[in-house]
Amino acid sequence: MPVRELGLKLNFYETLFFSFDADHLQFRIDSLGLTAQESYQDVVYLKNGSIIKGTIIEQVPNESIKIQTADGSIFVYKMEEILKMTKEMANVSRQNSFSFKKKQLSFKDIAGYRGFLDFGYSFGTSDYKSDRLELSTSHGYQFNPYLFIGGGVGIHYHTDADLFFMPIFVHARANFMKNDITPFLDFKIGYSVFDGMGFYLSPAVGCSFNMGEGNNRLFFMLGYSMQKAEIEYYRYTENVNLGAFSLKVGFEF
């Protein structure tokens, strides 16, 4: 009778396999793709009480053995030092296996197109108290998980003056880590047009959060906006800074 094999899924980590023919019934448990044979290791018990686990890579009959442990260390023992040698099943850590899988699903080593969209409110700090609503988007190239450089455009509505500024800027972002929760430094520099015109600068710090598999992320940031503008009076024009602290929420994709 030919040998047949059946598999029964026990849980996420283990599958129980039965193999049988007319005379024998055998079974094994595969843990995350590891067979029973792959899970065995050499164990050397020394007379001094020490236990060495690894793989015996060389053995001279009646003289000595050479064993390599999991960290790559190699030890040589004379046979008179050894109490016994056995093969035992290695402990496969379910927790370690799961952590490895989880790490694979977190912030990926991306490179390529990256886009940002953010919205927030800025509280004016100058004498003119120019509070404003801010909406901006930027697009560019993500060189690695840590560095993005691109360009963008925004719409800033100054609520007190009822004016619109449209900053056109270069955008750079530096992520400090590549984890599911990642702090970052954000920097925008450019020039605003439309109702108001002038130099624009906006540094910020924040934190982004992974939204599941892939690289879509939600972020929050706190920053400062420098907006140069010309204020016209009856007889002269003054160049001022409509500075403001900003709170923003955004999405990167």
Protein backbone atom coordinates (compact mmCIF):
# COMPACT_ATOMS: atom_id res chain seq x y z
CA MET A 1 0.00 0.00 0.00
CA PRO A 2 1.49 3.44 -0.91
CA VAL A 3 2.31 5.87 1.90
CA ARG A 4 -0.35 8.54 2.40
CA GLU A 5 -0.10 11.78 4.35
CA LEU A 6 -2.81 14.00 5.83
CA GLY A 7 -2.36 17.46 7.43
CA LEU A 8 -4.50 18.93 10.21
CA LYS A 9 -4.10 22.65 11.01
CA LEU A 10 -3.79 23.02 14.78
CA ASN A 11 -3.39 26.81 14.93
CA PHE A 12 -1.51 29.68 13.23
CA TYR A 13 1.83 28.15 14.12
CA GLU A 14 1.46 24.38 13.94
CA THR A 15 0.21 21.71 11.56
CA LEU A 16 -0.14 18.05 12.59
CA PHE A 17 0.74 15.60 9.79
CA PHE A 18 -0.23 11.90 9.72
CA SER A 19 1.54 9.46 7.38
CA PHE A 20 0.46 5.86 7.16
CA ASP A 21 0.65 2.67 5.15
CA ALA A 22 -0.49 -0.87 5.81
CA ASP A 23 1.95 -1.48 8.65
CA HIS A 24 2.85 1.88 10.19
CA LEU A 25 1.24 5.05 11.46
CA GLN A 26 3.49 8.06 12.08
CA PHE A 27 2.89 11.71 12.81
CA ARG A 28 4.86 14.95 13.11
CA ILE A 29 4.14 18.56 13.97
CA ASP A 30 5.43 21.30 11.67
CA SER A 31 5.92 24.65 13.44
CA LEU A 32 5.97 27.58 10.97
CA GLY A 33 7.36 25.30 8.24
CA LEU A 34 10.03 23.63 10.40
CA THR A 35 10.04 19.84 10.20
CA ALA A 36 10.82 17.64 13.16
CA GLN A 37 14.17 16.72 11.65
CA GLU A 38 15.13 20.39 11.29
CA SER A 39 14.16 21.00 14.93
CA TYR A 40 16.71 18.57 16.46
CA GLN A 41 20.09 19.61 17.86
CA ASP A 42 23.10 17.91 19.38
CA VAL A 43 23.38 18.12 23.17
CA VAL A 44 26.65 17.34 25.00
CA TYR A 45 26.53 16.71 28.77
CA LEU A 46 29.89 17.28 30.46
CA LYS A 47 31.05 15.63 33.66
CA ASN A 48 31.46 19.05 35.28
CA GLY A 49 27.70 19.66 34.93
CA SER A 50 27.77 21.89 31.85
CA ILE A 51 25.37 21.30 28.96
CA ILE A 52 26.36 22.40 25.45
CA LYS A 53 23.74 22.60 22.69
CA GLY A 54 24.46 23.00 19.00
CA THR A 55 25.73 20.99 16.05
CA ILE A 56 28.65 18.54 16.21
CA ILE A 57 30.80 19.50 13.23
CA GLU A 58 33.72 17.13 13.83
CA GLN A 59 34.24 13.97 15.83
CA VAL A 60 37.43 11.95 16.33
CA PRO A 61 36.44 8.49 17.65
CA ASN A 62 37.52 7.91 21.26
CA GLU A 63 39.41 11.23 21.30
CA SER A 64 37.42 14.45 20.91
CA ILE A 65 34.45 16.29 19.42
CA LYS A 66 33.98 19.79 18.03
CA ILE A 67 30.56 21.45 18.50
CA GLN A 68 29.24 24.74 17.12
CA THR A 69 26.56 26.59 19.11
CA ALA A 70 23.72 28.74 17.74
CA ASP A 71 25.72 31.97 18.16
CA GLY A 72 28.56 30.61 16.00
CA SER A 73 30.97 29.75 18.85
CA ILE A 74 32.98 26.53 18.45
CA PHE A 75 34.09 24.36 21.39
CA VAL A 76 36.35 21.29 21.49
CA TYR A 77 36.05 18.65 24.23
CA LYS A 78 38.00 15.47 24.93
CA MET A 79 35.97 12.30 25.29
CA GLU A 80 37.03 11.86 28.92
CA GLU A 81 35.32 15.20 29.72
CA ILE A 82 32.00 14.02 28.28
CA LEU A 83 29.32 12.22 30.30
CA LYS A 84 26.96 11.59 27.36
CA MET A 85 25.85 12.93 23.96
CA THR A 86 22.26 13.01 22.72
CA LYS A 87 20.04 14.52 20.07
CA GLU A 88 17.16 16.56 21.46
CA MET A 89 14.41 18.67 19.92
CA ALA A 90 15.28 22.32 19.78
CA ASN A 91 12.90 24.76 21.41
CA VAL A 92 11.10 26.78 18.70
CA SER A 93 9.86 30.04 20.19
CA ARG A 94 6.40 30.87 18.96
CA GLN A 95 6.71 34.39 20.30
CA ASN A 96 9.94 35.02 18.40
CA SER A 97 8.49 33.64 15.21
CA PHE A 98 5.43 35.86 15.47
CA SER A 99 7.52 38.93 16.26
CA PHE A 100 9.56 38.33 13.11
CA LYS A 101 6.43 38.12 10.98
CA LYS A 102 5.10 41.30 12.56
CA LYS A 103 8.32 43.14 11.84
CA GLN A 104 8.02 42.23 8.17
CA LEU A 105 4.61 43.92 8.08
CA SER A 106 5.70 47.23 9.66
CA PHE A 107 7.26 50.26 7.97
CA LYS A 108 8.76 48.87 4.74
CA ASP A 109 12.02 49.82 3.10
CA ILE A 110 10.30 51.99 0.54
CA ALA A 111 11.78 54.04 -2.28
CA GLY A 112 9.78 55.88 -4.90
CA TYR A 113 6.86 58.27 -5.18
CA ARG A 114 5.40 59.66 -1.93
CA GLY A 115 2.51 62.07 -1.38
CA PHE A 116 1.31 64.16 1.59
CA LEU A 117 -1.91 65.98 2.42
CA ASP A 118 -2.31 68.03 5.62
CA PHE A 119 -4.81 70.41 7.19
CA GLY A 120 -4.58 72.60 10.27
CA TYR A 121 -5.01 75.89 12.05
CA SER A 122 -2.32 78.48 12.79
CA PHE A 123 -2.45 80.93 15.68
CA GLY A 124 -0.91 84.29 14.78
CA THR A 125 1.91 85.58 17.02
CA SER A 126 2.64 88.93 15.39
CA ASP A 127 1.05 92.27 16.24
CA TYR A 128 -1.42 91.65 13.44
CA LYS A 129 -2.74 88.37 14.99
CA SER A 130 -3.13 86.78 11.58
CA ASP A 131 -4.83 83.48 12.45
CA ARG A 132 -5.39 81.23 9.46
CA LEU A 133 -6.68 77.91 8.14
CA GLU A 134 -4.04 75.98 6.20
CA LEU A 135 -4.41 73.21 3.61
CA SER A 136 -1.43 71.89 1.64
CA THR A 137 -0.31 68.96 -0.47
CA SER A 138 3.14 67.91 -1.60
CA HIS A 139 4.56 65.17 -3.79
CA GLY A 140 8.04 63.89 -4.43
CA TYR A 141 10.54 61.06 -3.99
CA GLN A 142 11.10 58.88 -0.91
CA PHE A 143 14.79 57.93 -1.12
CA ASN A 144 14.54 55.45 1.79
CA PRO A 145 12.42 55.10 4.96
CA TYR A 146 14.22 58.11 6.45
CA LEU A 147 14.33 60.84 3.78
CA PHE A 148 11.72 62.48 1.52
CA ILE A 149 12.26 65.46 -0.78
CA GLY A 150 9.61 67.00 -3.02
CA GLY A 151 7.55 70.07 -3.75
CA GLY A 152 4.06 71.29 -3.01
CA VAL A 153 1.45 74.02 -2.87
CA GLY A 154 -0.92 75.26 -0.17
CA ILE A 155 -3.94 77.47 0.45
CA HIS A 156 -3.86 79.65 3.59
CA TYR A 157 -6.95 81.63 4.48
CA HIS A 158 -6.22 84.51 6.89
CA THR A 159 -9.49 84.76 8.80
CA ASP A 160 -8.97 88.24 10.29
CA ALA A 161 -7.87 89.95 7.08
CA ASP A 162 -10.05 87.83 4.76
CA LEU A 163 -7.05 87.19 2.48
CA PHE A 164 -5.72 84.12 0.70
CA PHE A 165 -2.02 83.26 0.47
CA MET A 166 -0.85 80.44 -1.80
CA PRO A 167 2.63 79.19 -0.78
CA ILE A 168 4.62 77.24 -3.38
CA PHE A 169 7.41 75.39 -1.61
CA VAL A 170 10.15 72.77 -1.51
CA HIS A 171 9.32 70.08 1.05
CA ALA A 172 11.73 67.83 2.97
CA ARG A 173 10.95 65.33 5.72
CA ALA A 174 13.36 63.26 7.85
CA ASN A 175 11.99 60.25 9.75
CA PHE A 176 14.01 59.29 12.82
CA MET A 177 12.95 55.62 12.71
CA LYS A 178 11.10 53.21 10.44
CA ASN A 179 8.70 51.76 13.00
CA ASP A 180 4.91 51.73 13.15
CA ILE A 181 5.15 54.90 15.28
CA THR A 182 7.78 57.27 13.86
CA PRO A 183 8.80 60.79 14.98
CA PHE A 184 9.93 63.13 12.22
CA LEU A 185 11.26 66.58 11.34
CA ASP A 186 9.41 68.48 8.59
CA PHE A 187 10.66 71.52 6.62
CA LYS A 188 9.04 73.68 3.93
CA ILE A 189 10.52 76.74 2.23
CA GLY A 190 9.15 78.78 -0.65
CA TYR A 191 7.23 81.86 -1.74
CA SER A 192 3.55 82.82 -1.42
CA VAL A 193 1.39 84.43 -4.13
CA PHE A 194 -2.26 85.45 -4.64
CA ASP A 195 -3.79 88.10 -2.30
CA GLY A 196 -0.54 88.26 -0.33
CA MET A 197 3.00 87.74 -1.55
CA GLY A 198 6.26 87.03 0.26
CA PHE A 199 8.84 84.59 1.56
CA TYR A 200 7.44 81.45 3.27
CA LEU A 201 9.17 79.15 5.80
CA SER A 202 7.60 76.39 7.92
CA PRO A 203 9.66 74.03 10.14
CA ALA A 204 7.74 71.45 12.23
CA VAL A 205 8.10 68.31 14.34
CA GLY A 206 5.60 65.51 14.52
CA CYS A 207 4.82 61.81 14.71
CA SER A 208 3.34 59.44 12.13
CA PHE A 209 1.40 56.22 12.70
CA ASN A 210 1.19 53.19 10.44
CA MET A 211 -2.39 52.48 9.29
CA GLY A 212 -1.89 48.76 8.66
CA GLU A 213 -0.13 46.84 5.91
CA GLY A 214 1.60 49.03 3.34
CA ASN A 215 2.89 52.53 3.90
CA ASN A 216 -0.20 54.70 4.33
CA ARG A 217 0.31 56.73 7.49
CA LEU A 218 -1.56 59.24 9.64
CA PHE A 219 0.49 62.05 11.19
CA PHE A 220 0.20 64.98 13.60
CA MET A 221 2.64 67.87 13.78
CA LEU A 222 3.37 71.12 15.61
CA GLY A 223 5.24 73.87 13.80
CA TYR A 224 5.89 77.52 13.15
CA SER A 225 5.07 79.41 9.94
CA MET A 226 6.97 82.49 8.83
CA GLN A 227 5.03 84.44 6.20
CA LYS A 228 6.53 87.68 4.94
CA ALA A 229 4.05 90.20 3.54
CA GLU A 230 3.69 93.87 2.70
CA ILE A 231 1.14 95.82 4.72
CA GLU A 232 -0.04 99.05 3.05
CA TYR A 233 -0.88 102.16 5.06
CA TYR A 234 -2.11 105.50 3.80
CA ARG A 235 1.32 106.82 2.84
CA TYR A 236 3.79 103.95 3.11
CA THR A 237 4.24 100.17 2.91
CA GLU A 238 5.71 98.00 5.70
CA ASN A 239 7.28 94.57 5.23
CA VAL A 240 6.14 92.40 8.16
CA ASN A 241 6.23 88.77 9.30
CA LEU A 242 2.82 87.19 9.83
CA GLY A 243 4.28 84.50 12.08
CA ALA A 244 2.09 81.78 13.59
CA PHE A 245 2.26 78.51 15.52
CA SER A 246 0.40 75.70 13.77
CA LEU A 247 -1.29 72.41 14.70
CA LYS A 248 -1.86 70.05 11.79
CA VAL A 249 -3.14 66.57 10.98
CA GLY A 250 -2.31 64.80 7.74
CA PHE A 251 -2.12 61.68 5.65
CA GLU A 252 0.83 60.30 3.69
CA PHE A 253 0.49 57.77 0.91
